[in-house]
C-alpha atoms as a PDB file:
ATOM      1  CA  MET A   1       5.210  -7.054  33.235  1.00  0.00           C
ATOM      2  CA  ARG A   2       6.962  -7.850  29.959  1.00  0.00           C
ATOM      3  CA  VAL A   3       6.791  -5.933  26.675  1.00  0.00           C
ATOM      4  CA  ALA A   4       5.229  -8.944  24.913  1.00  0.00           C
ATOM      5  CA  GLU A   5       2.182  -8.697  27.200  1.00  0.00           C
ATOM      6  CA  VAL A   6       1.432  -5.119  26.143  1.00  0.00           C
ATOM      7  CA  MET A   7       2.705  -4.585  22.602  1.00  0.00           C
ATOM      8  CA  THR A   8       0.631  -4.356  19.450  1.00  0.00           C
ATOM      9  CA  ARG A   9       1.356  -7.375  17.278  1.00  0.00           C
ATOM     10  CA  ASP A  10      -0.014  -6.117  13.960  1.00  0.00           C
ATOM     11  CA  VAL A  11       2.838  -4.458  12.089  1.00  0.00           C
ATOM     12  CA  GLU A  12       2.613  -3.122   8.550  1.00  0.00           C
ATOM     13  CA  PHE A  13       5.913  -2.442   6.782  1.00  0.00           C
ATOM     14  CA  ILE A  14       6.699  -0.135   3.882  1.00  0.00           C
ATOM     15  CA  ALA A  15       9.384  -0.842   1.300  1.00  0.00           C
ATOM     16  CA  PRO A  16      12.405   1.481   1.285  1.00  0.00           C
ATOM     17  CA  ASP A  17      11.930   2.240  -2.411  1.00  0.00           C
ATOM     18  CA  ALA A  18       8.228   3.086  -2.055  1.00  0.00           C
ATOM     19  CA  PRO A  19       7.275   6.700  -2.767  1.00  0.00           C
ATOM     20  CA  VAL A  20       6.643   8.871   0.274  1.00  0.00           C
ATOM     21  CA  SER A  21       3.091   9.407  -1.002  1.00  0.00           C
ATOM     22  CA  ALA A  22       2.442   5.658  -0.587  1.00  0.00           C
ATOM     23  CA  ALA A  23       3.734   5.812   2.999  1.00  0.00           C
ATOM     24  CA  ALA A  24       1.442   8.756   3.744  1.00  0.00           C
ATOM     25  CA  GLU A  25      -1.544   6.937   2.240  1.00  0.00           C
ATOM     26  CA  LEU A  26      -0.816   3.775   4.231  1.00  0.00           C
ATOM     27  CA  MET A  27      -0.413   5.760   7.453  1.00  0.00           C
ATOM     28  CA  GLY A  28      -3.790   7.352   6.807  1.00  0.00           C
ATOM     29  CA  GLU A  29      -5.483   4.023   6.071  1.00  0.00           C
ATOM     30  CA  LEU A  30      -4.032   2.452   9.223  1.00  0.00           C
ATOM     31  CA  ASP A  31      -4.469   5.613  11.315  1.00  0.00           C
ATOM     32  CA  VAL A  32      -0.858   5.447  12.529  1.00  0.00           C
ATOM     33  CA  GLY A  33       1.914   8.006  12.813  1.00  0.00           C
ATOM     34  CA  ALA A  34       4.795   5.776  11.723  1.00  0.00           C
ATOM     35  CA  LEU A  35       5.728   2.763   9.656  1.00  0.00           C
ATOM     36  CA  PRO A  36       8.731   0.484   9.932  1.00  0.00           C
ATOM     37  CA  VAL A  37      10.759   0.409   6.728  1.00  0.00           C
ATOM     38  CA  GLY A  38      11.932  -2.904   5.271  1.00  0.00           C
ATOM     39  CA  GLY A  39      10.632  -6.162   6.656  1.00  0.00           C
ATOM     40  CA  ALA A  40      10.394  -8.189   9.831  1.00  0.00           C
ATOM     41  CA  SER A  41      13.885  -9.608   9.389  1.00  0.00           C
ATOM     42  CA  GLU A  42      15.455  -6.452   7.947  1.00  0.00           C
ATOM     43  CA  LEU A  43      14.381  -3.266   9.722  1.00  0.00           C
ATOM     44  CA  ARG A  44      16.032  -0.422   7.786  1.00  0.00           C
ATOM     45  CA  GLY A  45      14.460   2.478   9.664  1.00  0.00           C
ATOM     46  CA  ILE A  46      11.186   4.102  10.572  1.00  0.00           C
ATOM     47  CA  VAL A  47       9.315   6.739   8.617  1.00  0.00           C
ATOM     48  CA  THR A  48       7.100   8.988  10.714  1.00  0.00           C
ATOM     49  CA  ASP A  49       4.498  11.591   9.932  1.00  0.00           C
ATOM     50  CA  ARG A  50       7.018  14.166  11.204  1.00  0.00           C
ATOM     51  CA  ASP A  51       9.631  12.865   8.740  1.00  0.00           C
ATOM     52  CA  LEU A  52       7.131  13.399   5.924  1.00  0.00           C
ATOM     53  CA  LEU A  53       6.161  16.835   7.148  1.00  0.00           C
ATOM     54  CA  TYR A  54       9.639  18.257   7.740  1.00  0.00           C
ATOM     55  CA  ARG A  55      11.695  16.389   5.148  1.00  0.00           C
ATOM     56  CA  VAL A  56       9.208  16.462   2.258  1.00  0.00           C
ATOM     57  CA  VAL A  57       6.281  18.846   2.671  1.00  0.00           C
ATOM     58  CA  ALA A  58       8.187  21.705   4.334  1.00  0.00           C
ATOM     59  CA  ARG A  59      10.831  21.553   1.599  1.00  0.00           C
ATOM     60  CA  GLY A  60       8.233  21.598  -1.156  1.00  0.00           C
ATOM     61  CA  LEU A  61       9.322  18.230  -2.545  1.00  0.00           C
ATOM     62  CA  ASP A  62       7.146  15.995  -4.710  1.00  0.00           C
ATOM     63  CA  ALA A  63       5.952  13.134  -2.471  1.00  0.00           C
ATOM     64  CA  SER A  64       5.460  10.888  -5.494  1.00  0.00           C
ATOM     65  CA  ARG A  65       9.133  11.226  -6.463  1.00  0.00           C
ATOM     66  CA  VAL A  66      10.843  11.097  -3.072  1.00  0.00           C
ATOM     67  CA  ARG A  67      11.497   7.571  -1.795  1.00  0.00           C
ATOM     68  CA  VAL A  68      10.936   6.465   1.774  1.00  0.00           C
ATOM     69  CA  GLN A  69      14.618   5.508   2.145  1.00  0.00           C
ATOM     70  CA  GLU A  70      15.545   9.163   1.536  1.00  0.00           C
ATOM     71  CA  VAL A  71      13.584  10.470   4.530  1.00  0.00           C
ATOM     72  CA  LEU A  72      13.434   7.615   7.050  1.00  0.00           C
ATOM     73  CA  SER A  73      14.797   7.913  10.564  1.00  0.00           C
ATOM     74  CA  ALA A  74      17.703   5.618  11.423  1.00  0.00           C
ATOM     75  CA  PRO A  75      19.278   4.026  13.346  1.00  0.00           C
ATOM     76  CA  VAL A  76      16.257   2.515  15.046  1.00  0.00           C
ATOM     77  CA  VAL A  77      15.998   2.120  18.795  1.00  0.00           C
ATOM     78  CA  THR A  78      14.308  -1.190  19.608  1.00  0.00           C
ATOM     79  CA  CYS A  79      13.362  -3.342  22.565  1.00  0.00           C
ATOM     80  CA  ARG A  80      12.835  -7.078  23.020  1.00  0.00           C
ATOM     81  CA  GLU A  81       9.651  -8.996  23.738  1.00  0.00           C
ATOM     82  CA  ALA A  82      11.152 -10.272  27.002  1.00  0.00           C
ATOM     83  CA  ASP A  83      12.200  -6.806  28.234  1.00  0.00           C
ATOM     84  CA  ASP A  84      10.619  -5.449  31.373  1.00  0.00           C
ATOM     85  CA  LEU A  85       7.985  -2.845  30.533  1.00  0.00           C
ATOM     86  CA  GLN A  86       9.620  -0.253  32.783  1.00  0.00           C
ATOM     87  CA  ALA A  87      12.945  -0.672  30.957  1.00  0.00           C
ATOM     88  CA  ALA A  88      11.195  -0.095  27.621  1.00  0.00           C
ATOM     89  CA  LEU A  89       9.420   2.957  29.018  1.00  0.00           C
ATOM     90  CA  ASP A  90      12.745   4.339  30.268  1.00  0.00           C
ATOM     91  CA  LEU A  91      14.255   3.733  26.813  1.00  0.00           C
ATOM     92  CA  MET A  92      11.384   5.607  25.158  1.00  0.00           C
ATOM     93  CA  ALA A  93      11.711   8.519  27.574  1.00  0.00           C
ATOM     94  CA  ALA A  94      15.501   8.735  27.237  1.00  0.00           C
ATOM     95  CA  ASN A  95      15.255   8.827  23.439  1.00  0.00           C
ATOM     96  CA  HIS A  96      12.076  10.964  23.209  1.00  0.00           C
ATOM     97  CA  LEU A  97      10.233   8.221  21.324  1.00  0.00           C
ATOM     98  CA  ARG A  98       6.504   7.555  20.974  1.00  0.00           C
ATOM     99  CA  ARG A  99       6.939   4.018  19.712  1.00  0.00           C
ATOM    100  CA  LEU A 100       9.479   1.206  19.729  1.00  0.00           C
ATOM    101  CA  PRO A 101       9.726  -1.719  17.366  1.00  0.00           C
ATOM    102  CA  VAL A 102       9.747  -4.946  19.372  1.00  0.00           C
ATOM    103  CA  LEU A 103      12.111  -7.754  18.392  1.00  0.00           C
ATOM    104  CA  ASP A 104      11.961 -11.434  19.234  1.00  0.00           C
ATOM    105  CA  ALA A 105      14.996 -13.399  20.440  1.00  0.00           C
ATOM    106  CA  GLY A 106      16.069 -13.893  16.814  1.00  0.00           C
ATOM    107  CA  GLY A 107      16.011 -10.172  16.023  1.00  0.00           C
ATOM    108  CA  ARG A 108      12.813 -10.177  13.932  1.00  0.00           C
ATOM    109  CA  VAL A 109      10.240  -7.413  14.349  1.00  0.00           C
ATOM    110  CA  THR A 110       7.169  -8.898  16.012  1.00  0.00           C
ATOM    111  CA  GLY A 111       5.334  -5.788  17.179  1.00  0.00           C
ATOM    112  CA  TRP A 112       5.241  -2.166  18.279  1.00  0.00           C
ATOM    113  CA  LEU A 113       5.226  -0.754  21.768  1.00  0.00           C
ATOM    114  CA  THR A 114       3.442   2.597  21.626  1.00  0.00           C
ATOM    115  CA  LEU A 115       2.398   5.293  24.039  1.00  0.00           C
ATOM    116  CA  ALA A 116      -1.187   4.164  23.443  1.00  0.00           C
ATOM    117  CA  ASP A 117      -0.254   0.634  24.575  1.00  0.00           C
ATOM    118  CA  LEU A 118       1.344   2.055  27.716  1.00  0.00           C
ATOM    119  CA  ALA A 119      -1.641   4.309  28.431  1.00  0.00           C
ATOM    120  CA  ARG A 120      -3.991   1.336  28.097  1.00  0.00           C
ATOM    121  CA  VAL A 121      -1.949  -0.626  30.634  1.00  0.00           C
ATOM    122  CA  LEU A 122      -1.840   2.307  33.030  1.00  0.00           C
ATOM    123  CA  LEU A 123      -5.594   2.755  32.786  1.00  0.00           C
ATOM    124  CA  HIS A 124      -6.225  -0.904  33.550  1.00  0.00           C
ATOM    125  CA  GLU A 125      -3.443  -1.619  36.016  1.00  0.00           C
ATOM    126  CA  SER A 126      -2.948   1.547  38.034  1.00  0.00           C
ATOM    127  CA  ALA A 127      -5.300   2.215  40.934  1.00  0.00           C
ATOM    128  CA  THR A 128      -3.858   5.743  41.169  1.00  0.00           C
ATOM    129  CA  VAL A 129      -4.682   6.541  37.539  1.00  0.00           C
ATOM    130  CA  GLN A 130      -8.147   4.978  37.837  1.00  0.00           C
ATOM    131  CA  SER A 131      -8.831   7.002  40.969  1.00  0.00           C
ATOM    132  CA  ALA A 132      -7.685  10.238  39.312  1.00  0.00           C
ATOM    133  CA  LEU A 133      -9.852   9.550  36.261  1.00  0.00           C
ATOM    134  CA  ALA A 134     -12.853   8.822  38.482  1.00  0.00           C
ATOM    135  CA  GLU A 135     -12.346  12.126  40.282  1.00  0.00           C
ATOM    136  CA  VAL A 136     -12.084  14.036  37.006  1.00  0.00           C
ATOM    137  CA  THR A 137     -15.176  12.296  35.661  1.00  0.00           C
ATOM    138  CA  GLU A 138     -17.165  13.034  38.814  1.00  0.00           C
ATOM    139  CA  ALA A 139     -16.045  16.672  38.821  1.00  0.00           C
ATOM    140  CA  GLY A 140     -17.194  16.942  35.201  1.00  0.00           C
ATOM    141  CA  ARG A 141     -20.596  15.484  36.028  1.00  0.00           C
ATOM    142  CA  GLU A 142     -21.017  17.902  38.927  1.00  0.00           C
ATOM    143  CA  GLU A 143     -20.111  20.834  36.646  1.00  0.00           C
ATOM    144  CA  VAL A 144     -22.674  19.741  34.056  1.00  0.00           C
ATOM    145  CA  GLN A 145     -25.363  19.366  36.741  1.00  0.00           C
ATOM    146  CA  ARG A 146     -24.683  22.901  38.036  1.00  0.00           C
ATOM    147  CA  ARG A 147     -25.291  24.357  34.592  1.00  0.00           C
END
């Protein structure tokens, strides 16, 4: 299976000179934990909720004055649409990442590969995972019935 078959294609970017408060607001609106910084053809970094927490909030800085470019994480680890899903998963594990920007053959950002995307695939594709979930669900039903 290829990354392109699994990735999320909707990607919202934030400008490097945007205030951190705008990034936090956009993350909340989109219900995401990270935003790519820049644009599809110029990925400058990624700003995560952890970046905001540790680099702004924990230091007592004013989120309306600090710019995204001051707290973003870079360099960015990426994968390609044509990459094998297992290779992307190995890359995420090796770098302790929850998400990877996905690039097309021309180097433009075309999507995200997230842990949620991977979990969805595992739930649908893996007989082992489906069996384990069925067992857990059945055990839960039996517990409820005993009460």
